[in-house]
Each structure stands twice: as C-alpha cells, then as structure tokens.
Amino acid sequence: MGSKQGRNGRGGSSPDIWLVRYDSDSSEAILSSLHGAVQCQVFVCTSFVEPFHVCIGAHYIVLGEIEKKEGPIPVQVRARVLTCVDGINLSLLEHAVQEQRKYFSHREVRK
C-alpha cells in the first residue's frame, strides 16, 4: 500500500499521511496521502481529540470509527486518537503493530 518512497524520503510500505487542513470551529480536519499518482483525502471529525497540537504538513496517524453522514462528503473518520508522528520511525511502528496483531491472533486461537 502506498509508494516505497514517501513525501519526505522515508522508505517502507506505509503511505505518508499528512495534515492539510484543520478547522477548529467545525472540529474537522483533512488528511491527505499519495497512492501512486493519485492523491487521496480522508475527512476526520476531531471533536473527541481536541485540543491537539496542529501542525499543517506534519505526518499524523488516526484511529477511530468510520461514520456515514449526509452531504457532499458521505464518509468521515471520528478520531479517537490523532497523533503527530513526525520524527517517529514509521517502519518500526508498523512492525510493532504487526507483531501485536500476531500476538492477539495467536491468543484468540488458544481460547
């Protein structure tokens, strides 16, 4: 998923996802990512994670629920976690998440 070389030159299989807009009045943010030649955007409801340090152009990770809504943007993520990951080794973070998933999967099989 994503390109091998992101916006900032980091390698790895994770796409770079960066903050392009934030509106504190409506508690909405837009995260963007490049997938090959296509730029994708994700709309994020930030009401559960405010206040947070906003840095336009910085890389973020978001965890939350997908929700449908009325209007021109039919889907958004309701963020439960929205964290700037600039300066973090994303390949190492991705590896840690994969190991955690394997652990939980193995634990479920043993039950």
PDB file of N, CA and C in Angstrom:
ATOM      1  N   MET A   1       0.843  -1.169   0.000  1.00  0.00           N
ATOM      2  CA  MET A   1       0.000   0.000   0.000  1.00  0.00           C
ATOM      3  C   MET A   1       0.885   1.228   0.000  1.00  0.00           C
ATOM      4  N   GLY A   2       0.640   2.172  -0.855  1.00  0.00           N
ATOM      5  CA  GLY A   2       1.433   3.383  -0.904  1.00  0.00           C
ATOM      6  C   GLY A   2       2.687   3.200  -1.714  1.00  0.00           C
ATOM      7  N   SER A   3       3.429   4.275  -1.821  1.00  0.00           N
ATOM      8  CA  SER A   3       4.660   4.213  -2.577  1.00  0.00           C
ATOM      9  C   SER A   3       5.809   3.810  -1.678  1.00  0.00           C
ATOM     10  N   LYS A   4       6.876   3.314  -2.275  1.00  0.00           N
ATOM     11  CA  LYS A   4       8.047   2.923  -1.493  1.00  0.00           C
ATOM     12  C   LYS A   4       8.769   4.139  -0.953  1.00  0.00           C
ATOM     13  N   GLN A   5       8.670   5.254  -1.632  1.00  0.00           N
ATOM     14  CA  GLN A   5       9.335   6.470  -1.210  1.00  0.00           C
ATOM     15  C   GLN A   5       8.273   7.531  -0.986  1.00  0.00           C
ATOM     16  N   GLY A   6       8.104   7.985   0.236  1.00  0.00           N
ATOM     17  CA  GLY A   6       7.068   8.957   0.545  1.00  0.00           C
ATOM     18  C   GLY A   6       7.513  10.383   0.285  1.00  0.00           C
ATOM     19  N   ARG A   7       6.686  11.332   0.692  1.00  0.00           N
ATOM     20  CA  ARG A   7       6.961  12.758   0.503  1.00  0.00           C
ATOM     21  C   ARG A   7       8.278  13.165   1.126  1.00  0.00           C
ATOM     22  N   ASN A   8       8.587  12.608   2.267  1.00  0.00           N
ATOM     23  CA  ASN A   8       9.765  13.047   2.984  1.00  0.00           C
ATOM     24  C   ASN A   8      10.959  12.122   2.798  1.00  0.00           C
ATOM     25  N   GLY A   9      10.881  11.177   1.860  1.00  0.00           N
ATOM     26  CA  GLY A   9      12.023  10.322   1.571  1.00  0.00           C
ATOM     27  C   GLY A   9      12.142   9.106   2.454  1.00  0.00           C
ATOM     28  N   ARG A  10      11.177   8.876   3.343  1.00  0.00           N
ATOM     29  CA  ARG A  10      11.244   7.683   4.183  1.00  0.00           C
ATOM     30  C   ARG A  10      10.881   6.475   3.345  1.00  0.00           C
ATOM     31  N   GLY A  11      11.565   5.381   3.581  1.00  0.00           N
ATOM     32  CA  GLY A  11      11.209   4.147   2.889  1.00  0.00           C
ATOM     33  C   GLY A  11      10.102   3.441   3.634  1.00  0.00           C
ATOM     34  N   GLY A  12       9.801   2.207   3.246  1.00  0.00           N
ATOM     35  CA  GLY A  12       8.798   1.427   3.952  1.00  0.00           C
ATOM     36  C   GLY A  12       7.542   1.268   3.130  1.00  0.00           C
ATOM     37  N   SER A  13       6.659   0.417   3.632  1.00  0.00           N
ATOM     38  CA  SER A  13       5.450   0.120   2.879  1.00  0.00           C
ATOM     39  C   SER A  13       4.270   0.988   3.296  1.00  0.00           C
ATOM     40  N   SER A  14       4.399   1.744   4.386  1.00  0.00           N
ATOM     41  CA  SER A  14       3.295   2.591   4.831  1.00  0.00           C
ATOM     42  C   SER A  14       3.259   3.878   4.030  1.00  0.00           C
ATOM     43  N   PRO A  15       2.072   4.304   3.637  1.00  0.00           N
ATOM     44  CA  PRO A  15       1.983   5.580   2.917  1.00  0.00           C
ATOM     45  C   PRO A  15       2.188   6.740   3.880  1.00  0.00           C
ATOM     46  N   ASP A  16       2.676   7.845   3.361  1.00  0.00           N
ATOM     47  CA  ASP A  16       2.762   9.065   4.146  1.00  0.00           C
ATOM     48  C   ASP A  16       1.375   9.688   4.193  1.00  0.00           C
ATOM     49  N   ILE A  17       0.945  10.063   5.379  1.00  0.00           N
ATOM     50  CA  ILE A  17      -0.355  10.685   5.572  1.00  0.00           C
ATOM     51  C   ILE A  17      -0.105  11.976   6.338  1.00  0.00           C
ATOM     52  N   TRP A  18      -0.466  13.100   5.741  1.00  0.00           N
ATOM     53  CA  TRP A  18      -0.170  14.372   6.365  1.00  0.00           C
ATOM     54  C   TRP A  18      -1.414  15.239   6.478  1.00  0.00           C
ATOM     55  N   LEU A  19      -1.371  16.158   7.450  1.00  0.00           N
ATOM     56  CA  LEU A  19      -2.483  17.065   7.722  1.00  0.00           C
ATOM     57  C   LEU A  19      -2.438  18.221   6.729  1.00  0.00           C
ATOM     58  N   VAL A  20      -3.531  18.435   5.997  1.00  0.00           N
ATOM     59  CA  VAL A  20      -3.575  19.531   5.025  1.00  0.00           C
ATOM     60  C   VAL A  20      -4.509  20.672   5.446  1.00  0.00           C
ATOM     61  N   ARG A  21      -5.460  20.373   6.344  1.00  0.00           N
ATOM     62  CA  ARG A  21      -6.390  21.421   6.774  1.00  0.00           C
ATOM     63  C   ARG A  21      -6.982  21.056   8.122  1.00  0.00           C
ATOM     64  N   TYR A  22      -7.226  22.093   8.934  1.00  0.00           N
ATOM     65  CA  TYR A  22      -7.905  21.888  10.209  1.00  0.00           C
ATOM     66  C   TYR A  22      -8.783  23.095  10.478  1.00  0.00           C
ATOM     67  N   ASP A  23     -10.026  22.842  10.856  1.00  0.00           N
ATOM     68  CA  ASP A  23     -10.971  23.897  11.198  1.00  0.00           C
ATOM     69  C   ASP A  23     -11.473  23.636  12.615  1.00  0.00           C
ATOM     70  N   SER A  24     -11.003  24.440  13.553  1.00  0.00           N
ATOM     71  CA  SER A  24     -11.373  24.223  14.957  1.00  0.00           C
ATOM     72  C   SER A  24     -12.840  24.538  15.219  1.00  0.00           C
ATOM     73  N   ASP A  25     -13.430  25.449  14.459  1.00  0.00           N
ATOM     74  CA  ASP A  25     -14.843  25.797  14.662  1.00  0.00           C
ATOM     75  C   ASP A  25     -15.765  24.621  14.360  1.00  0.00           C
ATOM     76  N   SER A  26     -15.444  23.860  13.308  1.00  0.00           N
ATOM     77  CA  SER A  26     -16.291  22.717  12.935  1.00  0.00           C
ATOM     78  C   SER A  26     -15.712  21.382  13.402  1.00  0.00           C
ATOM     79  N   SER A  27     -14.544  21.409  14.067  1.00  0.00           N
ATOM     80  CA  SER A  27     -13.872  20.189  14.544  1.00  0.00           C
ATOM     81  C   SER A  27     -13.656  19.201  13.399  1.00  0.00           C
ATOM     82  N   GLU A  28     -13.135  19.704  12.282  1.00  0.00           N
ATOM     83  CA  GLU A  28     -12.864  18.859  11.122  1.00  0.00           C
ATOM     84  C   GLU A  28     -11.450  19.080  10.616  1.00  0.00           C
ATOM     85  N   ALA A  29     -10.838  17.980  10.210  1.00  0.00           N
ATOM     86  CA  ALA A  29      -9.504  18.020   9.623  1.00  0.00           C
ATOM     87  C   ALA A  29      -9.519  17.206   8.342  1.00  0.00           C
ATOM     88  N   ILE A  30      -8.553  17.486   7.479  1.00  0.00           N
ATOM     89  CA  ILE A  30      -8.367  16.688   6.274  1.00  0.00           C
ATOM     90  C   ILE A  30      -6.943  16.166   6.279  1.00  0.00           C
ATOM     91  N   LEU A  31      -6.828  14.841   6.159  1.00  0.00           N
ATOM     92  CA  LEU A  31      -5.536  14.187   5.994  1.00  0.00           C
ATOM     93  C   LEU A  31      -5.418  13.771   4.539  1.00  0.00           C
ATOM     94  N   SER A  32      -4.219  13.829   3.999  1.00  0.00           N
ATOM     95  CA  SER A  32      -4.009  13.502   2.603  1.00  0.00           C
ATOM     96  C   SER A  32      -2.887  12.486   2.476  1.00  0.00           C
ATOM     97  N   SER A  33      -2.940  11.704   1.395  1.00  0.00           N
ATOM     98  CA  SER A  33      -1.923  10.688   1.132  1.00  0.00           C
ATOM     99  C   SER A  33      -1.804  10.485  -0.368  1.00  0.00           C
ATOM    100  N   LEU A  34      -0.608  10.168  -0.821  1.00  0.00           N
ATOM    101  CA  LEU A  34      -0.397   9.827  -2.228  1.00  0.00           C
ATOM    102  C   LEU A  34      -0.338   8.322  -2.368  1.00  0.00           C
ATOM    103  N   HIS A  35      -1.119   7.781  -3.286  1.00  0.00           N
ATOM    104  CA  HIS A  35      -1.102   6.360  -3.623  1.00  0.00           C
ATOM    105  C   HIS A  35      -0.763   6.291  -5.107  1.00  0.00           C
ATOM    106  N   GLY A  36       0.515   6.095  -5.404  1.00  0.00           N
ATOM    107  CA  GLY A  36       0.959   6.165  -6.795  1.00  0.00           C
ATOM    108  C   GLY A  36       0.822   7.601  -7.258  1.00  0.00           C
ATOM    109  N   ALA A  37       0.078   7.822  -8.319  1.00  0.00           N
ATOM    110  CA  ALA A  37      -0.130   9.168  -8.849  1.00  0.00           C
ATOM    111  C   ALA A  37      -1.438   9.787  -8.349  1.00  0.00           C
ATOM    112  N   VAL A  38      -2.169   9.063  -7.505  1.00  0.00           N
ATOM    113  CA  VAL A  38      -3.474   9.524  -7.035  1.00  0.00           C
ATOM    114  C   VAL A  38      -3.353  10.075  -5.614  1.00  0.00           C
ATOM    115  N   GLN A  39      -3.862  11.287  -5.410  1.00  0.00           N
ATOM    116  CA  GLN A  39      -3.892  11.861  -4.075  1.00  0.00           C
ATOM    117  C   GLN A  39      -5.244  11.570  -3.447  1.00  0.00           C
ATOM    118  N   CYS A  40      -5.230  10.966  -2.266  1.00  0.00           N
ATOM    119  CA  CYS A  40      -6.455  10.618  -1.540  1.00  0.00           C
ATOM    120  C   CYS A  40      -6.583  11.525  -0.324  1.00  0.00           C
ATOM    121  N   GLN A  41      -7.819  11.831   0.043  1.00  0.00           N
ATOM    122  CA  GLN A  41      -8.061  12.629   1.231  1.00  0.00           C
ATOM    123  C   GLN A  41      -9.061  11.920   2.137  1.00  0.00           C
ATOM    124  N   VAL A  42      -8.826  12.063   3.437  1.00  0.00           N
ATOM    125  CA  VAL A  42      -9.703  11.491   4.450  1.00  0.00           C
ATOM    126  C   VAL A  42     -10.183  12.637   5.331  1.00  0.00           C
ATOM    127  N   PHE A  43     -11.486  12.710   5.507  1.00  0.00           N
ATOM    128  CA  PHE A  43     -12.069  13.730   6.364  1.00  0.00           C
ATOM    129  C   PHE A  43     -12.201  13.161   7.772  1.00  0.00           C
ATOM    130  N   VAL A  44     -11.785  13.963   8.757  1.00  0.00           N
ATOM    131  CA  VAL A  44     -11.692  13.486  10.133  1.00  0.00           C
ATOM    132  C   VAL A  44     -12.448  14.439  11.057  1.00  0.00           C
ATOM    133  N   CYS A  45     -13.344  13.871  11.868  1.00  0.00           N
ATOM    134  CA  CYS A  45     -14.002  14.622  12.935  1.00  0.00           C
ATOM    135  C   CYS A  45     -13.068  14.592  14.144  1.00  0.00           C
ATOM    136  N   THR A  46     -12.677  15.762  14.628  1.00  0.00           N
ATOM    137  CA  THR A  46     -11.674  15.841  15.700  1.00  0.00           C
ATOM    138  C   THR A  46     -12.260  16.184  17.067  1.00  0.00           C
ATOM    139  N   SER A  47     -13.588  16.172  17.198  1.00  0.00           N
ATOM    140  CA  SER A  47     -14.210  16.629  18.444  1.00  0.00           C
ATOM    141  C   SER A  47     -13.797  15.819  19.672  1.00  0.00           C
ATOM    142  N   PHE A  48     -13.489  14.532  19.524  1.00  0.00           N
ATOM    143  CA  PHE A  48     -13.098  13.702  20.668  1.00  0.00           C
ATOM    144  C   PHE A  48     -11.629  13.852  21.052  1.00  0.00           C
ATOM    145  N   VAL A  49     -10.809  14.478  20.201  1.00  0.00           N
ATOM    146  CA  VAL A  49      -9.371  14.555  20.470  1.00  0.00           C
ATOM    147  C   VAL A  49      -8.894  15.993  20.693  1.00  0.00           C
ATOM    148  N   GLU A  50      -9.818  16.928  20.758  1.00  0.00           N
ATOM    149  CA  GLU A  50      -9.435  18.326  20.957  1.00  0.00           C
ATOM    150  C   GLU A  50      -9.269  18.625  22.433  1.00  0.00           C
ATOM    151  N   PRO A  51      -8.361  19.518  22.747  1.00  0.00           N
ATOM    152  CA  PRO A  51      -7.444  20.210  21.847  1.00  0.00           C
ATOM    153  C   PRO A  51      -6.253  19.311  21.505  1.00  0.00           C
ATOM    154  N   PHE A  52      -5.701  19.508  20.332  1.00  0.00           N
ATOM    155  CA  PHE A  52      -4.484  18.809  19.944  1.00  0.00           C
ATOM    156  C   PHE A  52      -3.573  19.786  19.224  1.00  0.00           C
ATOM    157  N   HIS A  53      -2.281  19.457  19.198  1.00  0.00           N
ATOM    158  CA  HIS A  53      -1.295  20.328  18.566  1.00  0.00           C
ATOM    159  C   HIS A  53      -1.419  20.193  17.055  1.00  0.00           C
ATOM    160  N   VAL A  54      -1.762  21.283  16.385  1.00  0.00           N
ATOM    161  CA  VAL A  54      -1.972  21.278  14.945  1.00  0.00           C
ATOM    162  C   VAL A  54      -0.695  21.739  14.251  1.00  0.00           C
ATOM    163  N   CYS A  55      -0.254  20.941  13.308  1.00  0.00           N
ATOM    164  CA  CYS A  55       0.915  21.298  12.513  1.00  0.00           C
ATOM    165  C   CYS A  55       0.628  20.905  11.061  1.00  0.00           C
ATOM    166  N   ILE A  56       0.149  21.871  10.270  1.00  0.00           N
ATOM    167  CA  ILE A  56      -0.187  21.615   8.866  1.00  0.00           C
ATOM    168  C   ILE A  56       1.065  21.130   8.135  1.00  0.00           C
ATOM    169  N   GLY A  57       0.917  20.053   7.388  1.00  0.00           N
ATOM    170  CA  GLY A  57       2.036  19.468   6.651  1.00  0.00           C
ATOM    171  C   GLY A  57       2.746  18.360   7.400  1.00  0.00           C
ATOM    172  N   ALA A  58       2.466  18.219   8.703  1.00  0.00           N
ATOM    173  CA  ALA A  58       3.093  17.164   9.505  1.00  0.00           C
ATOM    174  C   ALA A  58       2.371  15.835   9.259  1.00  0.00           C
ATOM    175  N   HIS A  59       3.059  14.759   9.545  1.00  0.00           N
ATOM    176  CA  HIS A  59       2.502  13.418   9.370  1.00  0.00           C
ATOM    177  C   HIS A  59       1.731  13.014  10.627  1.00  0.00           C
ATOM    178  N   TYR A  60       0.566  12.404  10.414  1.00  0.00           N
ATOM    179  CA  TYR A  60      -0.304  12.008  11.519  1.00  0.00           C
ATOM    180  C   TYR A  60      -0.752  10.565  11.351  1.00  0.00           C
ATOM    181  N   ILE A  61      -1.112   9.973  12.482  1.00  0.00           N
ATOM    182  CA  ILE A  61      -1.775   8.676  12.489  1.00  0.00           C
ATOM    183  C   ILE A  61      -3.123   8.898  13.168  1.00  0.00           C
ATOM    184  N   VAL A  62      -4.167   8.295  12.605  1.00  0.00           N
ATOM    185  CA  VAL A  62      -5.505   8.463  13.164  1.00  0.00           C
ATOM    186  C   VAL A  62      -6.133   7.090  13.382  1.00  0.00           C
ATOM    187  N   LEU A  63      -6.766   6.933  14.539  1.00  0.00           N
ATOM    188  CA  LEU A  63      -7.534   5.736  14.858  1.00  0.00           C
ATOM    189  C   LEU A  63      -8.928   6.187  15.250  1.00  0.00           C
ATOM    190  N   GLY A  64      -9.924   5.502  14.729  1.00  0.00           N
ATOM    191  CA  GLY A  64     -11.288   5.884  15.061  1.00  0.00           C
ATOM    192  C   GLY A  64     -12.290   5.059  14.299  1.00  0.00           C
ATOM    193  N   GLU A  65     -13.524   5.523  14.332  1.00  0.00           N
ATOM    194  CA  GLU A  65     -14.608   4.820  13.665  1.00  0.00           C
ATOM    195  C   GLU A  65     -14.969   5.530  12.362  1.00  0.00           C
ATOM    196  N   ILE A  66     -15.311   4.735  11.360  1.00  0.00           N
ATOM    197  CA  ILE A  66     -15.833   5.277  10.108  1.00  0.00           C
ATOM    198  C   ILE A  66     -17.318   5.542  10.320  1.00  0.00           C
ATOM    199  N   GLU A  67     -17.758   6.725   9.949  1.00  0.00           N
ATOM    200  CA  GLU A  67     -19.183   7.010  10.054  1.00  0.00           C
ATOM    201  C   GLU A  67     -19.690   7.651   8.769  1.00  0.00           C
ATOM    202  N   LYS A  68     -20.927   7.314   8.442  1.00  0.00           N
ATOM    203  CA  LYS A  68     -21.592   7.903   7.286  1.00  0.00           C
ATOM    204  C   LYS A  68     -22.263   9.186   7.731  1.00  0.00           C
ATOM    205  N   LYS A  69     -22.320  10.140   6.811  1.00  0.00           N
ATOM    206  CA  LYS A  69     -23.007  11.389   7.123  1.00  0.00           C
ATOM    207  C   LYS A  69     -23.632  11.944   5.858  1.00  0.00           C
ATOM    208  N   GLU A  70     -24.548  12.864   6.024  1.00  0.00           N
ATOM    209  CA  GLU A  70     -25.230  13.498   4.900  1.00  0.00           C
ATOM    210  C   GLU A  70     -24.339  14.584   4.320  1.00  0.00           C
ATOM    211  N   GLY A  71     -24.562  14.893   3.056  1.00  0.00           N
ATOM    212  CA  GLY A  71     -23.840  15.992   2.444  1.00  0.00           C
ATOM    213  C   GLY A  71     -22.868  15.528   1.380  1.00  0.00           C
ATOM    214  N   PRO A  72     -22.031  16.445   0.925  1.00  0.00           N
ATOM    215  CA  PRO A  72     -21.130  16.139  -0.190  1.00  0.00           C
ATOM    216  C   PRO A  72     -20.016  15.153   0.173  1.00  0.00           C
ATOM    217  N   ILE A  73     -19.709  15.019   1.450  1.00  0.00           N
ATOM    218  CA  ILE A  73     -18.692  14.074   1.900  1.00  0.00           C
ATOM    219  C   ILE A  73     -19.416  12.996   2.701  1.00  0.00           C
ATOM    220  N   PRO A  74     -19.668  11.838   2.086  1.00  0.00           N
ATOM    221  CA  PRO A  74     -20.543  10.841   2.706  1.00  0.00           C
ATOM    222  C   PRO A  74     -19.902  10.033   3.837  1.00  0.00           C
ATOM    223  N   VAL A  75     -18.574  10.081   3.973  1.00  0.00           N
ATOM    224  CA  VAL A  75     -17.895   9.260   4.982  1.00  0.00           C
ATOM    225  C   VAL A  75     -16.811  10.091   5.651  1.00  0.00           C
ATOM    226  N   GLN A  76     -16.654   9.883   6.964  1.00  0.00           N
ATOM    227  CA  GLN A  76     -15.559  10.510   7.688  1.00  0.00           C
ATOM    228  C   GLN A  76     -15.095   9.570   8.790  1.00  0.00           C
ATOM    229  N   VAL A  77     -13.924   9.854   9.343  1.00  0.00           N
ATOM    230  CA  VAL A  77     -13.409   9.114  10.483  1.00  0.00           C
ATOM    231  C   VAL A  77     -13.655   9.959  11.727  1.00  0.00           C
ATOM    232  N   ARG A  78     -14.293   9.372  12.734  1.00  0.00           N
ATOM    233  CA  ARG A  78     -14.431  10.050  14.029  1.00  0.00           C
ATOM    234  C   ARG A  78     -13.217   9.632  14.850  1.00  0.00           C
ATOM    235  N   ALA A  79     -12.264  10.541  14.965  1.00  0.00           N
ATOM    236  CA  ALA A  79     -10.975  10.232  15.586  1.00  0.00           C
ATOM    237  C   ALA A  79     -11.112   9.979  17.085  1.00  0.00           C
ATOM    238  N   ARG A  80     -10.494   8.912  17.541  1.00  0.00           N
ATOM    239  CA  ARG A  80     -10.317   8.628  18.968  1.00  0.00           C
ATOM    240  C   ARG A  80      -8.866   8.888  19.352  1.00  0.00           C
ATOM    241  N   VAL A  81      -7.974   8.757  18.361  1.00  0.00           N
ATOM    242  CA  VAL A  81      -6.560   9.064  18.524  1.00  0.00           C
ATOM    243  C   VAL A  81      -6.123   9.810  17.269  1.00  0.00           C
ATOM    244  N   LEU A  82      -5.461  10.935  17.441  1.00  0.00           N
ATOM    245  CA  LEU A  82      -4.892  11.695  16.331  1.00  0.00           C
ATOM    246  C   LEU A  82      -3.550  12.209  16.816  1.00  0.00           C
ATOM    247  N   THR A  83      -2.485  11.602  16.318  1.00  0.00           N
ATOM    248  CA  THR A  83      -1.155  11.868  16.843  1.00  0.00           C
ATOM    249  C   THR A  83      -0.191  12.223  15.727  1.00  0.00           C
ATOM    250  N   CYS A  84       0.574  13.264  15.948  1.00  0.00           N
ATOM    251  CA  CYS A  84       1.632  13.630  15.007  1.00  0.00           C
ATOM    252  C   CYS A  84       2.750  12.601  15.143  1.00  0.00           C
ATOM    253  N   VAL A  85       3.185  12.063  14.008  1.00  0.00           N
ATOM    254  CA  VAL A  85       4.234  11.033  14.037  1.00  0.00           C
ATOM    255  C   VAL A  85       5.510  11.508  13.341  1.00  0.00           C
ATOM    256  N   ASP A  86       5.656  12.809  13.140  1.00  0.00           N
ATOM    257  CA  ASP A  86       6.909  13.319  12.593  1.00  0.00           C
ATOM    258  C   ASP A  86       8.039  12.947  13.550  1.00  0.00           C
ATOM    259  N   GLY A  87       9.109  12.427  13.001  1.00  0.00           N
ATOM    260  CA  GLY A  87      10.263  12.044  13.812  1.00  0.00           C
ATOM    261  C   GLY A  87      10.208  10.616  14.319  1.00  0.00           C
ATOM    262  N   ILE A  88       9.097   9.924  14.122  1.00  0.00           N
ATOM    263  CA  ILE A  88       8.974   8.529  14.559  1.00  0.00           C
ATOM    264  C   ILE A  88       9.378   7.620  13.408  1.00  0.00           C
ATOM    265  N   ASN A  89      10.062   6.552  13.719  1.00  0.00           N
ATOM    266  CA  ASN A  89      10.437   5.560  12.716  1.00  0.00           C
ATOM    267  C   ASN A  89       9.181   4.771  12.371  1.00  0.00           C
ATOM    268  N   LEU A  90       8.543   5.125  11.248  1.00  0.00           N
ATOM    269  CA  LEU A  90       7.268   4.517  10.898  1.00  0.00           C
ATOM    270  C   LEU A  90       7.397   3.044  10.535  1.00  0.00           C
ATOM    271  N   SER A  91       8.539   2.637   9.982  1.00  0.00           N
ATOM    272  CA  SER A  91       8.741   1.218   9.682  1.00  0.00           C
ATOM    273  C   SER A  91       8.745   0.409  10.971  1.00  0.00           C
ATOM    274  N   LEU A  92       9.388   0.942  12.004  1.00  0.00           N
ATOM    275  CA  LEU A  92       9.417   0.262  13.298  1.00  0.00           C
ATOM    276  C   LEU A  92       8.028   0.239  13.932  1.00  0.00           C
ATOM    277  N   LEU A  93       7.284   1.330  13.816  1.00  0.00           N
ATOM    278  CA  LEU A  93       5.912   1.377  14.336  1.00  0.00           C
ATOM    279  C   LEU A  93       5.041   0.353  13.619  1.00  0.00           C
ATOM    280  N   GLU A  94       5.161   0.276  12.288  1.00  0.00           N
ATOM    281  CA  GLU A  94       4.389  -0.687  11.520  1.00  0.00           C
ATOM    282  C   GLU A  94       4.735  -2.121  11.935  1.00  0.00           C
ATOM    283  N   HIS A  95       6.016  -2.385  12.158  1.00  0.00           N
ATOM    284  CA  HIS A  95       6.440  -3.715  12.601  1.00  0.00           C
ATOM    285  C   HIS A  95       5.834  -4.046  13.972  1.00  0.00           C
ATOM    286  N   ALA A  96       5.834  -3.067  14.883  1.00  0.00           N
ATOM    287  CA  ALA A  96       5.265  -3.284  16.216  1.00  0.00           C
ATOM    288  C   ALA A  96       3.770  -3.600  16.130  1.00  0.00           C
ATOM    289  N   VAL A  97       3.049  -2.906  15.265  1.00  0.00           N
ATOM    290  CA  VAL A  97       1.612  -3.164  15.095  1.00  0.00           C
ATOM    291  C   VAL A  97       1.392  -4.565  14.537  1.00  0.00           C
ATOM    292  N   GLN A  98       2.203  -4.974  13.568  1.00  0.00           N
ATOM    293  CA  GLN A  98       2.083  -6.319  13.000  1.00  0.00           C
ATOM    294  C   GLN A  98       2.344  -7.389  14.061  1.00  0.00           C
ATOM    295  N   GLU A  99       3.357  -7.182  14.889  1.00  0.00           N
ATOM    296  CA  GLU A  99       3.658  -8.139  15.960  1.00  0.00           C
ATOM    297  C   GLU A  99       2.523  -8.207  16.972  1.00  0.00           C
ATOM    298  N   GLN A 100       1.925  -7.058  17.286  1.00  0.00           N
ATOM    299  CA  GLN A 100       0.796  -7.041  18.213  1.00  0.00           C
ATOM    300  C   GLN A 100      -0.389  -7.794  17.628  1.00  0.00           C
ATOM    301  N   ARG A 101      -0.651  -7.613  16.348  1.00  0.00           N
ATOM    302  CA  ARG A 101      -1.751  -8.334  15.700  1.00  0.00           C
ATOM    303  C   ARG A 101      -1.512  -9.836  15.731  1.00  0.00           C
ATOM    304  N   LYS A 102      -0.270 -10.262  15.469  1.00  0.00           N
ATOM    305  CA  LYS A 102       0.057 -11.695  15.529  1.00  0.00           C
ATOM    306  C   LYS A 102      -0.157 -12.233  16.934  1.00  0.00           C
ATOM    307  N   TYR A 103       0.256 -11.477  17.934  1.00  0.00           N
ATOM    308  CA  TYR A 103       0.081 -11.899  19.323  1.00  0.00           C
ATOM    309  C   TYR A 103      -1.403 -12.086  19.657  1.00  0.00           C
ATOM    310  N   PHE A 104      -2.235 -11.080  19.306  1.00  0.00           N
ATOM    311  CA  PHE A 104      -3.657 -11.179  19.603  1.00  0.00           C
ATOM    312  C   PHE A 104      -4.313 -12.311  18.825  1.00  0.00           C
ATOM    313  N   SER A 105      -3.900 -12.499  17.577  1.00  0.00           N
ATOM    314  CA  SER A 105      -4.443 -13.594  16.768  1.00  0.00           C
ATOM    315  C   SER A 105      -4.074 -14.946  17.386  1.00  0.00           C
ATOM    316  N   HIS A 106      -2.845 -15.093  17.809  1.00  0.00           N
ATOM    317  CA  HIS A 106      -2.394 -16.341  18.441  1.00  0.00           C
ATOM    318  C   HIS A 106      -3.130 -16.588  19.753  1.00  0.00           C
ATOM    319  N   ARG A 107      -3.345 -15.513  20.510  1.00  0.00           N
ATOM    320  CA  ARG A 107      -4.056 -15.620  21.790  1.00  0.00           C
ATOM    321  C   ARG A 107      -5.496 -16.048  21.567  1.00  0.00           C
ATOM    322  N   GLU A 108      -6.158 -15.546  20.517  1.00  0.00           N
ATOM    323  CA  GLU A 108      -7.554 -15.919  20.222  1.00  0.00           C
ATOM    324  C   GLU A 108      -7.655 -17.398  19.818  1.00  0.00           C
ATOM    325  N   VAL A 109      -6.668 -17.902  19.087  1.00  0.00           N
ATOM    326  CA  VAL A 109      -6.689 -19.294  18.636  1.00  0.00           C
ATOM    327  C   VAL A 109      -6.589 -20.215  19.832  1.00  0.00           C
ATOM    328  N   ARG A 110      -5.833 -19.838  20.847  1.00  0.00           N
ATOM    329  CA  ARG A 110      -5.626 -20.681  22.030  1.00  0.00           C
ATOM    330  C   ARG A 110      -6.855 -20.745  22.920  1.00  0.00           C
ATOM    331  N   LYS A 111      -7.797 -19.833  22.816  1.00  0.00           N
ATOM    332  CA  LYS A 111      -9.003 -19.828  23.681  1.00  0.00           C
ATOM    333  C   LYS A 111      -9.937 -20.943  23.353  1.00  0.00           C
TER     334      LYS A 111
END
